[in-house]
Amino acid sequence: MDPRISFVTLAATDLTATRAFYVDGLGWTPELDVPGEVVMIRVGEHLVLSLWDEAQFEAEVGPLARGDGVPPFTLAHNVATREQVDAVLADARSAGAVAGEATERDWGGYTGYFVAPDGVRWEIAWNPGEIGRLVLP
């Protein structure tokens, strides 16, 4: 198996609000858009963000676990400069996300988080190290 990820699939409790956030708010373009079922957005050369209606997701994958707290994962969007971190967080706020302020990290980077309507935490990061440069376009 090749070391790569092709799709990141998220179950949305309100697909209409989730679609509005990513498509109308952030301006991302769907590759596939089936109202009430799924929205698929190309987010990299070989990577698709797949947003599924929760009921459709559960019918295919199985019951979702529920509980308090933050989902046990984040999605990250790396940028080339510290200033871009603040700009992306501002864009997310304008699109309706709950966004915190960015902060200096012990490892030398600068990051902040926003929460999308589906509860997913996105990290916006400037990582000056080699691994940070590896993921930039």
N, C-alpha and C. Protein backbone atom coordinates (compact mmCIF):
# COMPACT_ATOMS: atom_id res chain seq x y z
N MET A 1 0.84 -1.18 0.00
CA MET A 1 0.00 0.00 0.00
C MET A 1 0.88 1.24 0.00
N ASP A 2 0.58 2.19 -0.88
CA ASP A 2 1.32 3.45 -0.94
C ASP A 2 1.02 4.29 0.30
N PRO A 3 2.00 5.03 0.82
CA PRO A 3 1.76 5.90 1.98
C PRO A 3 1.11 7.22 1.55
N ARG A 4 -0.21 7.20 1.41
CA ARG A 4 -0.95 8.40 1.03
C ARG A 4 -2.39 8.31 1.49
N ILE A 5 -3.06 9.44 1.54
CA ILE A 5 -4.49 9.52 1.85
C ILE A 5 -5.18 10.14 0.66
N SER A 6 -6.26 9.51 0.19
CA SER A 6 -6.97 9.99 -0.99
C SER A 6 -8.18 10.83 -0.63
N PHE A 7 -8.92 10.43 0.39
CA PHE A 7 -10.12 11.14 0.83
C PHE A 7 -10.07 11.32 2.34
N VAL A 8 -10.52 12.47 2.81
CA VAL A 8 -10.83 12.68 4.21
C VAL A 8 -12.35 12.86 4.23
N THR A 9 -13.05 11.95 4.91
CA THR A 9 -14.51 11.95 4.91
C THR A 9 -15.02 12.36 6.28
N LEU A 10 -15.92 13.33 6.29
CA LEU A 10 -16.50 13.82 7.54
C LEU A 10 -18.01 13.66 7.50
N ALA A 11 -18.59 13.24 8.60
CA ALA A 11 -20.04 13.15 8.73
C ALA A 11 -20.55 14.48 9.27
N ALA A 12 -21.46 15.12 8.55
CA ALA A 12 -21.98 16.43 8.94
C ALA A 12 -23.39 16.29 9.51
N THR A 13 -23.60 16.83 10.70
CA THR A 13 -24.94 16.80 11.30
C THR A 13 -25.90 17.69 10.52
N ASP A 14 -25.39 18.74 9.90
CA ASP A 14 -26.19 19.64 9.08
C ASP A 14 -25.40 19.90 7.80
N LEU A 15 -25.63 19.07 6.79
CA LEU A 15 -24.87 19.17 5.55
C LEU A 15 -25.09 20.51 4.86
N THR A 16 -26.28 21.07 4.95
CA THR A 16 -26.55 22.36 4.32
C THR A 16 -25.65 23.44 4.93
N ALA A 17 -25.56 23.49 6.25
CA ALA A 17 -24.71 24.48 6.92
C ALA A 17 -23.23 24.21 6.63
N THR A 18 -22.85 22.94 6.63
CA THR A 18 -21.46 22.57 6.36
C THR A 18 -21.08 22.97 4.93
N ARG A 19 -21.96 22.67 3.98
CA ARG A 19 -21.71 23.06 2.58
C ARG A 19 -21.60 24.57 2.47
N ALA A 20 -22.52 25.29 3.10
CA ALA A 20 -22.51 26.75 3.04
C ALA A 20 -21.19 27.30 3.58
N PHE A 21 -20.67 26.70 4.65
CA PHE A 21 -19.41 27.16 5.23
C PHE A 21 -18.26 27.00 4.24
N TYR A 22 -18.07 25.79 3.73
CA TYR A 22 -16.93 25.52 2.86
C TYR A 22 -17.08 26.14 1.47
N VAL A 23 -18.27 26.05 0.89
CA VAL A 23 -18.48 26.50 -0.49
C VAL A 23 -18.77 28.00 -0.55
N ASP A 24 -19.79 28.45 0.16
CA ASP A 24 -20.17 29.86 0.10
C ASP A 24 -19.24 30.73 0.96
N GLY A 25 -18.91 30.25 2.16
CA GLY A 25 -18.09 31.04 3.08
C GLY A 25 -16.62 31.09 2.71
N LEU A 26 -16.01 29.92 2.52
CA LEU A 26 -14.58 29.87 2.20
C LEU A 26 -14.31 29.95 0.70
N GLY A 27 -15.34 29.75 -0.11
CA GLY A 27 -15.17 29.86 -1.56
C GLY A 27 -14.57 28.64 -2.23
N TRP A 28 -14.66 27.48 -1.57
CA TRP A 28 -14.12 26.26 -2.17
C TRP A 28 -15.12 25.73 -3.20
N THR A 29 -14.61 25.07 -4.24
CA THR A 29 -15.45 24.61 -5.35
C THR A 29 -15.70 23.11 -5.26
N PRO A 30 -16.96 22.69 -5.21
CA PRO A 30 -17.25 21.25 -5.19
C PRO A 30 -16.91 20.58 -6.52
N GLU A 31 -16.40 19.38 -6.43
CA GLU A 31 -16.22 18.53 -7.60
C GLU A 31 -17.48 17.69 -7.81
N LEU A 32 -18.16 17.39 -6.70
CA LEU A 32 -19.41 16.63 -6.70
C LEU A 32 -20.30 17.23 -5.63
N ASP A 33 -21.56 17.49 -5.97
CA ASP A 33 -22.46 18.13 -5.02
C ASP A 33 -23.85 17.51 -5.20
N VAL A 34 -24.21 16.60 -4.29
CA VAL A 34 -25.51 15.94 -4.33
C VAL A 34 -26.30 16.43 -3.11
N PRO A 35 -27.24 17.36 -3.32
CA PRO A 35 -27.95 17.95 -2.19
C PRO A 35 -28.53 16.89 -1.24
N GLY A 36 -28.31 17.12 0.06
CA GLY A 36 -28.82 16.23 1.08
C GLY A 36 -28.03 14.95 1.26
N GLU A 37 -27.00 14.74 0.45
CA GLU A 37 -26.22 13.51 0.55
C GLU A 37 -24.73 13.75 0.76
N VAL A 38 -24.08 14.43 -0.20
CA VAL A 38 -22.61 14.54 -0.15
C VAL A 38 -22.13 15.75 -0.94
N VAL A 39 -21.04 16.33 -0.44
CA VAL A 39 -20.31 17.37 -1.15
C VAL A 39 -18.85 16.94 -1.14
N MET A 40 -18.23 16.88 -2.33
CA MET A 40 -16.82 16.50 -2.41
C MET A 40 -16.04 17.66 -3.02
N ILE A 41 -14.96 18.03 -2.34
CA ILE A 41 -14.16 19.19 -2.73
C ILE A 41 -12.70 18.76 -2.85
N ARG A 42 -12.12 19.02 -3.99
CA ARG A 42 -10.69 18.72 -4.16
C ARG A 42 -9.90 19.72 -3.32
N VAL A 43 -9.07 19.20 -2.40
CA VAL A 43 -8.30 20.05 -1.51
C VAL A 43 -6.80 19.88 -1.70
N GLY A 44 -6.42 19.09 -2.66
CA GLY A 44 -5.01 18.88 -2.98
C GLY A 44 -4.92 18.18 -4.32
N GLU A 45 -3.72 18.03 -4.81
CA GLU A 45 -3.55 17.41 -6.13
C GLU A 45 -4.21 16.04 -6.20
N HIS A 46 -4.08 15.28 -5.13
CA HIS A 46 -4.66 13.94 -5.08
C HIS A 46 -5.42 13.72 -3.78
N LEU A 47 -6.13 14.75 -3.31
CA LEU A 47 -6.83 14.65 -2.03
C LEU A 47 -8.19 15.33 -2.13
N VAL A 48 -9.23 14.63 -1.64
CA VAL A 48 -10.59 15.14 -1.66
C VAL A 48 -11.15 15.17 -0.24
N LEU A 49 -11.78 16.30 0.11
CA LEU A 49 -12.53 16.41 1.34
C LEU A 49 -13.96 16.02 1.01
N SER A 50 -14.45 14.96 1.64
CA SER A 50 -15.77 14.40 1.36
C SER A 50 -16.67 14.66 2.56
N LEU A 51 -17.70 15.48 2.36
CA LEU A 51 -18.61 15.87 3.43
C LEU A 51 -19.93 15.14 3.22
N TRP A 52 -20.26 14.22 4.11
CA TRP A 52 -21.45 13.39 3.98
C TRP A 52 -22.52 13.79 4.98
N ASP A 53 -23.76 13.73 4.57
CA ASP A 53 -24.87 13.84 5.50
C ASP A 53 -24.71 12.71 6.52
N GLU A 54 -24.89 13.04 7.78
CA GLU A 54 -24.65 12.08 8.85
C GLU A 54 -25.43 10.77 8.67
N ALA A 55 -26.70 10.85 8.30
CA ALA A 55 -27.50 9.63 8.12
C ALA A 55 -26.96 8.79 6.98
N GLN A 56 -26.55 9.44 5.89
CA GLN A 56 -25.97 8.71 4.75
C GLN A 56 -24.65 8.05 5.16
N PHE A 57 -23.85 8.79 5.93
CA PHE A 57 -22.58 8.28 6.42
C PHE A 57 -22.78 7.03 7.28
N GLU A 58 -23.72 7.14 8.25
CA GLU A 58 -23.97 6.01 9.15
C GLU A 58 -24.52 4.81 8.40
N ALA A 59 -25.33 5.03 7.36
CA ALA A 59 -25.87 3.91 6.59
C ALA A 59 -24.75 3.13 5.90
N GLU A 60 -23.70 3.82 5.52
CA GLU A 60 -22.60 3.15 4.83
C GLU A 60 -21.53 2.64 5.78
N VAL A 61 -21.18 3.42 6.79
CA VAL A 61 -20.03 3.11 7.64
C VAL A 61 -20.42 2.44 8.95
N GLY A 62 -21.57 2.83 9.50
CA GLY A 62 -22.02 2.29 10.78
C GLY A 62 -22.28 3.41 11.76
N PRO A 63 -22.82 3.08 12.93
CA PRO A 63 -23.19 4.10 13.92
C PRO A 63 -22.00 4.93 14.38
N LEU A 64 -22.25 6.20 14.58
CA LEU A 64 -21.22 7.10 15.09
C LEU A 64 -21.17 7.01 16.61
N ALA A 65 -19.99 7.10 17.16
CA ALA A 65 -19.83 7.19 18.62
C ALA A 65 -20.08 8.63 19.02
N ARG A 66 -20.72 8.82 20.13
CA ARG A 66 -21.06 10.18 20.59
C ARG A 66 -20.43 10.41 21.96
N GLY A 67 -20.19 11.66 22.27
CA GLY A 67 -19.66 11.99 23.58
C GLY A 67 -19.28 13.45 23.64
N ASP A 68 -18.87 13.88 24.82
CA ASP A 68 -18.46 15.26 25.00
C ASP A 68 -17.02 15.44 24.56
N GLY A 69 -16.67 16.67 24.30
CA GLY A 69 -15.28 17.01 24.01
C GLY A 69 -15.01 17.18 22.53
N VAL A 70 -13.76 17.34 22.22
CA VAL A 70 -13.28 17.56 20.87
C VAL A 70 -13.13 16.23 20.15
N PRO A 71 -13.54 16.15 18.86
CA PRO A 71 -13.29 14.91 18.12
C PRO A 71 -11.78 14.58 18.18
N PRO A 72 -11.43 13.31 18.14
CA PRO A 72 -10.03 12.93 18.36
C PRO A 72 -9.14 13.09 17.13
N PHE A 73 -9.34 14.17 16.37
CA PHE A 73 -8.47 14.46 15.24
C PHE A 73 -8.64 15.93 14.87
N THR A 74 -7.67 16.45 14.12
CA THR A 74 -7.79 17.77 13.53
C THR A 74 -7.40 17.67 12.07
N LEU A 75 -7.82 18.65 11.30
CA LEU A 75 -7.33 18.81 9.94
C LEU A 75 -6.41 20.02 9.98
N ALA A 76 -5.36 20.02 9.19
CA ALA A 76 -4.42 21.14 9.22
C ALA A 76 -4.28 21.74 7.83
N HIS A 77 -4.15 23.05 7.82
CA HIS A 77 -3.90 23.82 6.60
C HIS A 77 -2.65 24.64 6.88
N ASN A 78 -1.54 24.26 6.25
CA ASN A 78 -0.29 24.98 6.46
C ASN A 78 -0.14 26.10 5.46
N VAL A 79 0.45 27.19 5.91
CA VAL A 79 0.68 28.36 5.08
C VAL A 79 2.16 28.73 5.13
N ALA A 80 2.57 29.62 4.23
CA ALA A 80 3.99 29.94 4.08
C ALA A 80 4.49 31.02 5.03
N THR A 81 3.58 31.80 5.64
CA THR A 81 4.01 32.88 6.53
C THR A 81 3.13 32.97 7.76
N ARG A 82 3.67 33.61 8.80
CA ARG A 82 2.89 33.86 10.02
C ARG A 82 1.66 34.70 9.72
N GLU A 83 1.82 35.71 8.87
CA GLU A 83 0.72 36.61 8.54
C GLU A 83 -0.44 35.89 7.89
N GLN A 84 -0.13 34.87 7.11
CA GLN A 84 -1.19 34.10 6.46
C GLN A 84 -2.03 33.33 7.47
N VAL A 85 -1.44 32.93 8.59
CA VAL A 85 -2.20 32.24 9.64
C VAL A 85 -3.33 33.16 10.10
N ASP A 86 -2.99 34.38 10.44
CA ASP A 86 -4.00 35.34 10.92
C ASP A 86 -5.04 35.63 9.83
N ALA A 87 -4.60 35.74 8.58
CA ALA A 87 -5.53 36.03 7.47
C ALA A 87 -6.51 34.88 7.27
N VAL A 88 -6.05 33.64 7.33
CA VAL A 88 -6.94 32.49 7.14
C VAL A 88 -7.92 32.40 8.31
N LEU A 89 -7.46 32.63 9.53
CA LEU A 89 -8.37 32.61 10.68
C LEU A 89 -9.44 33.69 10.53
N ALA A 90 -9.07 34.87 10.02
CA ALA A 90 -10.04 35.93 9.78
C ALA A 90 -11.05 35.52 8.71
N ASP A 91 -10.57 34.86 7.64
CA ASP A 91 -11.48 34.37 6.60
C ASP A 91 -12.47 33.37 7.17
N ALA A 92 -11.97 32.47 8.02
CA ALA A 92 -12.84 31.46 8.64
C ALA A 92 -13.90 32.12 9.52
N ARG A 93 -13.48 33.13 10.30
CA ARG A 93 -14.44 33.87 11.13
C ARG A 93 -15.52 34.52 10.24
N SER A 94 -15.09 35.13 9.14
CA SER A 94 -16.04 35.78 8.22
C SER A 94 -17.01 34.78 7.62
N ALA A 95 -16.56 33.54 7.46
CA ALA A 95 -17.41 32.49 6.90
C ALA A 95 -18.33 31.86 7.94
N GLY A 96 -18.19 32.27 9.21
CA GLY A 96 -19.06 31.78 10.26
C GLY A 96 -18.44 30.82 11.25
N ALA A 97 -17.14 30.56 11.13
CA ALA A 97 -16.48 29.65 12.06
C ALA A 97 -16.21 30.33 13.40
N VAL A 98 -16.12 29.53 14.43
CA VAL A 98 -15.62 29.99 15.72
C VAL A 98 -14.11 29.82 15.64
N ALA A 99 -13.38 30.92 15.80
CA ALA A 99 -11.92 30.85 15.65
C ALA A 99 -11.24 31.53 16.82
N GLY A 100 -10.21 30.87 17.33
CA GLY A 100 -9.39 31.46 18.38
C GLY A 100 -8.29 32.31 17.76
N GLU A 101 -7.46 32.86 18.61
CA GLU A 101 -6.31 33.64 18.15
C GLU A 101 -5.13 32.70 17.97
N ALA A 102 -4.27 33.01 17.03
CA ALA A 102 -3.06 32.21 16.81
C ALA A 102 -2.06 32.50 17.94
N THR A 103 -1.18 31.55 18.14
CA THR A 103 -0.18 31.69 19.20
C THR A 103 1.15 31.08 18.77
N GLU A 104 2.21 31.58 19.37
CA GLU A 104 3.55 31.02 19.16
C GLU A 104 3.59 29.65 19.83
N ARG A 105 4.17 28.68 19.17
CA ARG A 105 4.29 27.33 19.72
C ARG A 105 5.72 27.04 20.17
N ASP A 106 5.86 26.18 21.16
CA ASP A 106 7.17 25.83 21.70
C ASP A 106 8.11 25.28 20.63
N TRP A 107 7.55 24.64 19.61
CA TRP A 107 8.37 24.02 18.58
C TRP A 107 8.80 25.01 17.49
N GLY A 108 8.45 26.30 17.65
CA GLY A 108 8.93 27.32 16.73
C GLY A 108 7.92 27.80 15.71
N GLY A 109 6.75 27.21 15.67
CA GLY A 109 5.73 27.62 14.71
C GLY A 109 4.74 28.60 15.29
N TYR A 110 3.75 28.92 14.49
CA TYR A 110 2.70 29.85 14.86
C TYR A 110 1.40 29.27 14.33
N THR A 111 0.46 28.95 15.23
CA THR A 111 -0.76 28.27 14.81
C THR A 111 -1.98 28.79 15.55
N GLY A 112 -3.13 28.55 14.95
CA GLY A 112 -4.41 28.83 15.57
C GLY A 112 -5.43 27.83 15.04
N TYR A 113 -6.59 27.77 15.68
CA TYR A 113 -7.61 26.81 15.31
C TYR A 113 -8.94 27.50 15.06
N PHE A 114 -9.72 26.91 14.14
CA PHE A 114 -11.12 27.30 14.03
C PHE A 114 -11.97 26.05 14.02
N VAL A 115 -13.24 26.23 14.39
CA VAL A 115 -14.19 25.12 14.45
C VAL A 115 -15.21 25.31 13.33
N ALA A 116 -15.27 24.35 12.42
CA ALA A 116 -16.24 24.37 11.33
C ALA A 116 -17.62 24.00 11.87
N PRO A 117 -18.70 24.28 11.11
CA PRO A 117 -20.05 24.00 11.60
C PRO A 117 -20.28 22.54 12.00
N ASP A 118 -19.51 21.62 11.43
CA ASP A 118 -19.68 20.21 11.75
C ASP A 118 -18.88 19.79 12.99
N GLY A 119 -18.22 20.76 13.66
CA GLY A 119 -17.47 20.48 14.88
C GLY A 119 -16.02 20.12 14.65
N VAL A 120 -15.59 20.02 13.41
CA VAL A 120 -14.21 19.65 13.11
C VAL A 120 -13.29 20.83 13.40
N ARG A 121 -12.18 20.55 14.07
CA ARG A 121 -11.17 21.56 14.35
C ARG A 121 -10.15 21.59 13.23
N TRP A 122 -9.96 22.77 12.66
CA TRP A 122 -8.93 23.00 11.65
C TRP A 122 -7.79 23.77 12.29
N GLU A 123 -6.59 23.26 12.13
CA GLU A 123 -5.40 23.99 12.57
C GLU A 123 -4.87 24.77 11.37
N ILE A 124 -4.61 26.05 11.57
CA ILE A 124 -3.95 26.86 10.55
C ILE A 124 -2.54 27.09 11.07
N ALA A 125 -1.54 26.66 10.30
CA ALA A 125 -0.19 26.61 10.84
C ALA A 125 0.86 27.17 9.89
N TRP A 126 1.76 27.92 10.49
CA TRP A 126 3.02 28.26 9.84
C TRP A 126 4.08 27.46 10.58
N ASN A 127 4.73 26.55 9.87
CA ASN A 127 5.77 25.70 10.44
C ASN A 127 7.05 25.99 9.68
N PRO A 128 8.00 26.69 10.32
CA PRO A 128 9.21 27.08 9.61
C PRO A 128 10.19 25.93 9.38
N GLY A 129 9.90 24.76 9.91
CA GLY A 129 10.81 23.62 9.77
C GLY A 129 10.66 22.92 8.43
N GLU A 130 11.50 21.95 8.23
CA GLU A 130 11.53 21.19 6.97
C GLU A 130 10.19 20.50 6.69
N ILE A 131 9.57 19.91 7.73
CA ILE A 131 8.30 19.22 7.53
C ILE A 131 7.21 20.22 7.13
N GLY A 132 7.27 21.44 7.63
CA GLY A 132 6.31 22.45 7.24
C GLY A 132 6.45 22.86 5.78
N ARG A 133 7.66 22.95 5.30
CA ARG A 133 7.89 23.29 3.88
C ARG A 133 7.49 22.14 2.97
N LEU A 134 7.58 20.92 3.47
CA LEU A 134 7.25 19.73 2.69
C LEU A 134 5.80 19.74 2.21
N VAL A 135 4.89 20.28 3.01
CA VAL A 135 3.46 20.19 2.69
C VAL A 135 2.93 21.41 1.94
N LEU A 136 3.77 22.41 1.68
CA LEU A 136 3.29 23.59 0.96
C LEU A 136 3.29 23.34 -0.55
N PRO A 137 2.34 23.97 -1.25
CA PRO A 137 2.33 23.81 -2.72
C PRO A 137 3.54 24.46 -3.36
